C-alpha atoms as a PDB file:
ATOM      1  CA  MET A   1     176.429  77.517  72.891  1.00  0.00           C
ATOM      2  CA  THR A   2     177.584  81.271  73.096  1.00  0.00           C
ATOM      3  CA  ASP A   3     177.809  83.530  76.180  1.00  0.00           C
ATOM      4  CA  VAL A   4     177.489  87.146  76.037  1.00  0.00           C
ATOM      5  CA  PRO A   5     177.331  89.499  78.834  1.00  0.00           C
ATOM      6  CA  PRO A   6     174.529  92.295  79.076  1.00  0.00           C
ATOM      7  CA  THR A   7     174.854  95.373  76.948  1.00  0.00           C
ATOM      8  CA  GLY A   8     177.762  97.475  78.871  1.00  0.00           C
ATOM      9  CA  ALA A   9     178.609  94.860  81.319  1.00  0.00           C
ATOM     10  CA  ALA A  10     181.364  92.276  81.746  1.00  0.00           C
ATOM     11  CA  ALA A  11     180.500  88.671  82.389  1.00  0.00           C
ATOM     12  CA  GLY A  12     180.939  88.087  85.973  1.00  0.00           C
ATOM     13  CA  PRO A  13     180.649  85.304  88.686  1.00  0.00           C
ATOM     14  CA  ALA A  14     177.741  83.199  89.267  1.00  0.00           C
ATOM     15  CA  ALA A  15     174.670  84.733  90.541  1.00  0.00           C
ATOM     16  CA  ALA A  16     175.125  86.458  94.017  1.00  0.00           C
ATOM     17  CA  PRO A  17     172.795  85.626  96.913  1.00  0.00           C
ATOM     18  CA  GLY A  18     169.337  87.589  96.046  1.00  0.00           C
ATOM     19  CA  ASP A  19     169.895  87.592  92.253  1.00  0.00           C
ATOM     20  CA  PRO A  20     167.320  85.848  90.450  1.00  0.00           C
ATOM     21  CA  ALA A  21     168.135  82.090  89.360  1.00  0.00           C
ATOM     22  CA  PRO A  22     168.855  81.810  85.711  1.00  0.00           C
ATOM     23  CA  VAL A  23     165.628  81.089  83.771  1.00  0.00           C
ATOM     24  CA  ARG A  24     165.406  78.518  80.583  1.00  0.00           C
ATOM     25  CA  VAL A  25     163.238  79.864  77.930  1.00  0.00           C
ATOM     26  CA  ALA A  26     161.920  77.626  75.024  1.00  0.00           C
ATOM     27  CA  ILE A  27     161.977  79.559  71.859  1.00  0.00           C
ATOM     28  CA  LEU A  28     159.839  78.341  68.871  1.00  0.00           C
ATOM     29  CA  SER A  29     158.085  79.637  65.938  1.00  0.00           C
ATOM     30  CA  ASP A  30     156.270  78.730  62.527  1.00  0.00           C
ATOM     31  CA  THR A  31     154.262  75.720  63.737  1.00  0.00           C
ATOM     32  CA  HIS A  32     151.432  76.345  61.397  1.00  0.00           C
ATOM     33  CA  GLY A  33     148.759  74.387  63.563  1.00  0.00           C
ATOM     34  CA  TRP A  34     151.054  71.597  64.656  1.00  0.00           C
ATOM     35  CA  VAL A  35     154.184  71.333  67.037  1.00  0.00           C
ATOM     36  CA  ASP A  36     156.545  68.290  66.642  1.00  0.00           C
ATOM     37  CA  PRO A  37     156.322  66.206  69.828  1.00  0.00           C
ATOM     38  CA  ARG A  38     160.080  66.434  70.297  1.00  0.00           C
ATOM     39  CA  VAL A  39     159.962  70.235  70.508  1.00  0.00           C
ATOM     40  CA  LEU A  40     157.031  69.856  73.169  1.00  0.00           C
ATOM     41  CA  ALA A  41     159.517  67.796  75.033  1.00  0.00           C
ATOM     42  CA  VAL A  42     161.981  70.596  75.052  1.00  0.00           C
ATOM     43  CA  VAL A  43     159.429  73.181  75.973  1.00  0.00           C
ATOM     44  CA  ALA A  44     158.320  70.995  78.979  1.00  0.00           C
ATOM     45  CA  ASP A  45     161.867  71.053  80.238  1.00  0.00           C
ATOM     46  CA  CYS A  46     162.123  74.713  80.290  1.00  0.00           C
ATOM     47  CA  ASP A  47     160.532  77.390  82.769  1.00  0.00           C
ATOM     48  CA  LEU A  48     158.601  79.297  80.123  1.00  0.00           C
ATOM     49  CA  ALA A  49     158.131  79.764  76.278  1.00  0.00           C
ATOM     50  CA  VAL A  50     157.933  82.018  73.527  1.00  0.00           C
ATOM     51  CA  HIS A  51     156.459  81.666  70.114  1.00  0.00           C
ATOM     52  CA  GLY A  52     157.566  83.742  67.224  1.00  0.00           C
ATOM     53  CA  GLY A  53     154.324  83.691  65.241  1.00  0.00           C
ATOM     54  CA  ASP A  54     152.561  81.727  62.446  1.00  0.00           C
ATOM     55  CA  ILE A  55     151.133  79.596  65.377  1.00  0.00           C
ATOM     56  CA  GLY A  56     148.085  78.255  63.407  1.00  0.00           C
ATOM     57  CA  ASN A  57     145.581  77.761  66.124  1.00  0.00           C
ATOM     58  CA  ALA A  58     144.787  78.205  69.962  1.00  0.00           C
ATOM     59  CA  ALA A  59     145.483  74.407  70.390  1.00  0.00           C
ATOM     60  CA  VAL A  60     149.156  75.030  69.568  1.00  0.00           C
ATOM     61  CA  ILE A  61     149.361  77.413  72.450  1.00  0.00           C
ATOM     62  CA  ALA A  62     147.527  75.266  74.931  1.00  0.00           C
ATOM     63  CA  CYS A  63     149.963  72.357  74.218  1.00  0.00           C
ATOM     64  CA  LEU A  64     152.976  74.429  75.070  1.00  0.00           C
ATOM     65  CA  GLN A  65     153.432  73.456  78.726  1.00  0.00           C
ATOM     66  CA  PRO A  66     156.732  74.806  80.199  1.00  0.00           C
ATOM     67  CA  ARG A  67     157.312  73.940  83.809  1.00  0.00           C
ATOM     68  CA  HIS A  68     156.696  77.241  85.749  1.00  0.00           C
ATOM     69  CA  GLY A  69     156.004  80.227  83.505  1.00  0.00           C
ATOM     70  CA  PRO A  70     153.708  81.380  80.883  1.00  0.00           C
ATOM     71  CA  VAL A  71     153.806  81.120  77.095  1.00  0.00           C
ATOM     72  CA  TRP A  72     154.340  84.540  75.323  1.00  0.00           C
ATOM     73  CA  ALA A  73     153.360  84.550  71.520  1.00  0.00           C
ATOM     74  CA  ALA A  74     153.669  87.161  68.812  1.00  0.00           C
ATOM     75  CA  ARG A  75     151.133  87.194  65.748  1.00  0.00           C
ATOM     76  CA  GLY A  76     152.569  86.046  62.394  1.00  0.00           C
ATOM     77  CA  ASN A  77     151.606  86.939  58.854  1.00  0.00           C
ATOM     78  CA  ASN A  78     149.549  83.630  58.668  1.00  0.00           C
ATOM     79  CA  ASP A  79     147.757  84.272  61.878  1.00  0.00           C
ATOM     80  CA  ARG A  80     144.659  85.867  60.555  1.00  0.00           C
ATOM     81  CA  PRO A  81     141.143  85.099  60.941  1.00  0.00           C
ATOM     82  CA  ALA A  82     140.789  83.464  57.551  1.00  0.00           C
ATOM     83  CA  ASP A  83     143.474  80.986  58.514  1.00  0.00           C
ATOM     84  CA  TRP A  84     142.286  80.117  62.023  1.00  0.00           C
ATOM     85  CA  PRO A  85     139.437  78.017  63.349  1.00  0.00           C
ATOM     86  CA  SER A  86     136.484  80.521  64.112  1.00  0.00           C
ATOM     87  CA  ALA A  87     136.316  78.993  67.708  1.00  0.00           C
ATOM     88  CA  ASP A  88     139.888  80.334  68.386  1.00  0.00           C
ATOM     89  CA  ARG A  89     139.179  84.010  67.231  1.00  0.00           C
ATOM     90  CA  ALA A  90     139.328  85.274  70.883  1.00  0.00           C
ATOM     91  CA  VAL A  91     142.885  83.988  71.250  1.00  0.00           C
ATOM     92  CA  LEU A  92     143.948  85.170  67.681  1.00  0.00           C
ATOM     93  CA  ASP A  93     142.594  88.673  68.704  1.00  0.00           C
ATOM     94  CA  ARG A  94     144.629  88.909  71.790  1.00  0.00           C
ATOM     95  CA  LEU A  95     147.922  88.190  70.059  1.00  0.00           C
ATOM     96  CA  PRO A  96     150.349  91.226  69.778  1.00  0.00           C
ATOM     97  CA  GLY A  97     152.527  92.304  66.951  1.00  0.00           C
ATOM     98  CA  TRP A  98     155.547  91.946  69.208  1.00  0.00           C
ATOM     99  CA  VAL A  99     156.203  90.947  72.886  1.00  0.00           C
ATOM    100  CA  GLU A 100     158.834  91.989  75.206  1.00  0.00           C
ATOM    101  CA  VAL A 101     159.836  89.668  78.024  1.00  0.00           C
ATOM    102  CA  SER A 102     161.740  90.889  81.026  1.00  0.00           C
ATOM    103  CA  LEU A 103     164.327  88.231  82.138  1.00  0.00           C
ATOM    104  CA  PRO A 104     167.301  87.944  84.334  1.00  0.00           C
ATOM    105  CA  GLY A 105     170.092  90.173  82.737  1.00  0.00           C
ATOM    106  CA  GLY A 106     167.827  91.779  80.092  1.00  0.00           C
ATOM    107  CA  THR A 107     164.925  91.928  77.761  1.00  0.00           C
ATOM    108  CA  LEU A 108     163.942  89.316  74.964  1.00  0.00           C
ATOM    109  CA  VAL A 109     161.802  90.796  72.149  1.00  0.00           C
ATOM    110  CA  VAL A 110     159.710  88.223  70.090  1.00  0.00           C
ATOM    111  CA  ILE A 111     158.382  89.377  66.784  1.00  0.00           C
ATOM    112  CA  HIS A 112     157.346  87.555  63.771  1.00  0.00           C
ATOM    113  CA  GLY A 113     159.776  89.292  61.374  1.00  0.00           C
ATOM    114  CA  HIS A 114     157.349  89.602  58.147  1.00  0.00           C
ATOM    115  CA  GLN A 115     157.290  93.413  59.023  1.00  0.00           C
ATOM    116  CA  THR A 116     160.526  94.076  57.603  1.00  0.00           C
ATOM    117  CA  PRO A 117     162.307  92.862  54.322  1.00  0.00           C
ATOM    118  CA  ALA A 118     164.627  89.975  54.555  1.00  0.00           C
ATOM    119  CA  ARG A 119     167.565  92.164  53.094  1.00  0.00           C
ATOM    120  CA  GLY A 120     168.692  93.963  56.215  1.00  0.00           C
ATOM    121  CA  ARG A 121     166.180  92.512  58.459  1.00  0.00           C
ATOM    122  CA  HIS A 122     168.550  92.030  61.535  1.00  0.00           C
ATOM    123  CA  GLU A 123     169.907  95.815  61.093  1.00  0.00           C
ATOM    124  CA  ARG A 124     166.516  97.144  61.071  1.00  0.00           C
ATOM    125  CA  LEU A 125     165.266  94.975  64.275  1.00  0.00           C
ATOM    126  CA  ARG A 126     168.480  96.045  66.020  1.00  0.00           C
ATOM    127  CA  ARG A 127     167.689  99.620  65.528  1.00  0.00           C
ATOM    128  CA  ARG A 128     163.923  99.161  66.125  1.00  0.00           C
ATOM    129  CA  PHE A 129     164.637  97.298  69.541  1.00  0.00           C
ATOM    130  CA  PRO A 130     168.104  98.733  70.882  1.00  0.00           C
ATOM    131  CA  ARG A 131     167.510  98.012  74.500  1.00  0.00           C
ATOM    132  CA  ALA A 132     166.685  94.376  74.109  1.00  0.00           C
ATOM    133  CA  ARG A 133     169.601  91.757  74.984  1.00  0.00           C
ATOM    134  CA  ALA A 134     168.028  89.369  72.302  1.00  0.00           C
ATOM    135  CA  LEU A 135     165.562  89.563  69.475  1.00  0.00           C
ATOM    136  CA  VAL A 136     163.494  86.342  68.333  1.00  0.00           C
ATOM    137  CA  TYR A 137     161.835  86.418  64.836  1.00  0.00           C
ATOM    138  CA  GLY A 138     160.461  83.566  62.750  1.00  0.00           C
ATOM    139  CA  HIS A 139     158.910  83.878  59.282  1.00  0.00           C
ATOM    140  CA  SER A 140     161.847  82.454  57.118  1.00  0.00           C
ATOM    141  CA  HIS A 141     161.577  78.897  58.845  1.00  0.00           C
ATOM    142  CA  ARG A 142     165.243  79.016  58.964  1.00  0.00           C
ATOM    143  CA  LEU A 143     167.454  78.237  62.058  1.00  0.00           C
ATOM    144  CA  LEU A 144     169.795  81.049  62.694  1.00  0.00           C
ATOM    145  CA  LEU A 145     171.995  82.616  65.442  1.00  0.00           C
ATOM    146  CA  ASP A 146     173.279  86.077  64.808  1.00  0.00           C
ATOM    147  CA  GLN A 147     175.508  86.787  67.964  1.00  0.00           C
ATOM    148  CA  GLU A 148     177.804  89.108  66.034  1.00  0.00           C
ATOM    149  CA  ALA A 149     176.425  92.335  67.669  1.00  0.00           C
ATOM    150  CA  LEU A 150     173.927  93.243  70.493  1.00  0.00           C
ATOM    151  CA  PRO A 151     171.088  92.704  70.536  1.00  0.00           C
ATOM    152  CA  TRP A 152     171.462  89.073  69.479  1.00  0.00           C
ATOM    153  CA  VAL A 153     169.224  88.025  66.486  1.00  0.00           C
ATOM    154  CA  LEU A 154     167.680  84.631  66.637  1.00  0.00           C
ATOM    155  CA  ASN A 155     165.461  82.658  64.635  1.00  0.00           C
ATOM    156  CA  PRO A 156     164.443  79.226  66.016  1.00  0.00           C
ATOM    157  CA  GLY A 157     163.514  77.753  62.688  1.00  0.00           C
ATOM    158  CA  ALA A 158     160.032  76.014  62.226  1.00  0.00           C
ATOM    159  CA  ALA A 159     158.953  73.712  64.844  1.00  0.00           C
ATOM    160  CA  GLY A 160     156.099  72.040  63.011  1.00  0.00           C
ATOM    161  CA  ARG A 161     156.154  70.100  59.688  1.00  0.00           C
ATOM    162  CA  THR A 162     156.062  73.078  57.127  1.00  0.00           C
ATOM    163  CA  ARG A 163     159.182  74.044  55.562  1.00  0.00           C
ATOM    164  CA  THR A 164     161.497  72.747  58.363  1.00  0.00           C
ATOM    165  CA  HIS A 165     164.800  72.922  56.138  1.00  0.00           C
ATOM    166  CA  GLY A 166     166.148  69.931  57.649  1.00  0.00           C
ATOM    167  CA  GLY A 167     163.738  68.980  60.442  1.00  0.00           C
ATOM    168  CA  PRO A 168     161.794  70.786  63.000  1.00  0.00           C
ATOM    169  CA  SER A 169     163.805  73.091  65.412  1.00  0.00           C
ATOM    170  CA  CYS A 170     163.627  75.124  68.339  1.00  0.00           C
ATOM    171  CA  LEU A 171     166.020  77.041  70.874  1.00  0.00           C
ATOM    172  CA  VAL A 172     166.627  77.186  74.727  1.00  0.00           C
ATOM    173  CA  LEU A 173     167.941  80.447  76.041  1.00  0.00           C
ATOM    174  CA  THR A 174     169.289  80.080  79.496  1.00  0.00           C
ATOM    175  CA  ALA A 175     168.893  83.740  80.982  1.00  0.00           C
ATOM    176  CA  GLY A 176     171.105  84.651  84.063  1.00  0.00           C
ATOM    177  CA  VAL A 177     171.909  88.044  85.437  1.00  0.00           C
ATOM    178  CA  ASP A 178     175.399  88.074  84.006  1.00  0.00           C
ATOM    179  CA  CYS A 179     175.327  85.385  81.146  1.00  0.00           C
ATOM    180  CA  TRP A 180     173.104  84.180  78.376  1.00  0.00           C
ATOM    181  CA  THR A 181     173.475  81.050  76.550  1.00  0.00           C
ATOM    182  CA  ILE A 182     171.697  79.702  73.642  1.00  0.00           C
ATOM    183  CA  ARG A 183     171.231  75.857  72.826  1.00  0.00           C
ATOM    184  CA  THR A 184     169.888  74.663  69.500  1.00  0.00           C
ATOM    185  CA  PHE A 185     167.719  71.679  68.876  1.00  0.00           C
ATOM    186  CA  ARG A 186     167.324  70.150  65.464  1.00  0.00           C
ATOM    187  CA  PHE A 187     165.267  67.015  65.029  1.00  0.00           C
ATOM    188  CA  ALA A 188     165.038  64.637  62.125  1.00  0.00           C
ATOM    189  CA  PRO A 189     162.178  65.568  59.645  1.00  0.00           C
ATOM    190  CA  THR A 190     158.848  64.023  60.548  1.00  0.00           C
ATOM    191  CA  SER A 191     158.767  61.465  57.742  1.00  0.00           C
ATOM    192  CA  GLN A 192     161.913  60.079  58.904  1.00  0.00           C
ATOM    193  CA  ALA A 193     161.019  60.127  62.630  1.00  0.00           C
ATOM    194  CA  SER A 194     157.746  58.449  62.035  1.00  0.00           C
ATOM    195  CA  HIS A 195     159.551  55.367  60.690  1.00  0.00           C
ATOM    196  CA  LYS A 196     161.819  54.994  63.604  1.00  0.00           C
ATOM    197  CA  GLY A 197     160.397  52.149  65.944  1.00  0.00           C
END
């Protein structure tokens, strides 16, 4: 886990009376129509969830059940009418290109990432969303934490079974007024997990 103070501020003491309590945010992406049950268990232990795109169908969004808050999702390059069930069209039509989520201590931006070339993607995202505290993208299916500069650039990897590069994964962001931390979750690939009794 890594801590970073908000842009322009130093890390401080625990939240003062009246400050909002820290919020736990499940971060996932690239489910392509199916979410690993172990990722769903992580989501259920969080206050809210964000999905970085390539969702696959409305059932994926419906099965994400954080404790208290909503689920925000951004549209991915595979979130197209041709790739979704026709019955889910209304949900697909409401998916934005990116989402900005206000959290204690800053803003989290969620975008799929296919809008920018892989080379220089982090710098381009940082320039596009300079006021964010952290940026989430998917698309590459590769778990990655770039905390070298602000805003952080985070990729939770793939939470389904498509191109998981070592197994399904997700992140949990704990967002407090003065401190944000990230925890990674990586699970055994589903072919191995299904053989465990």
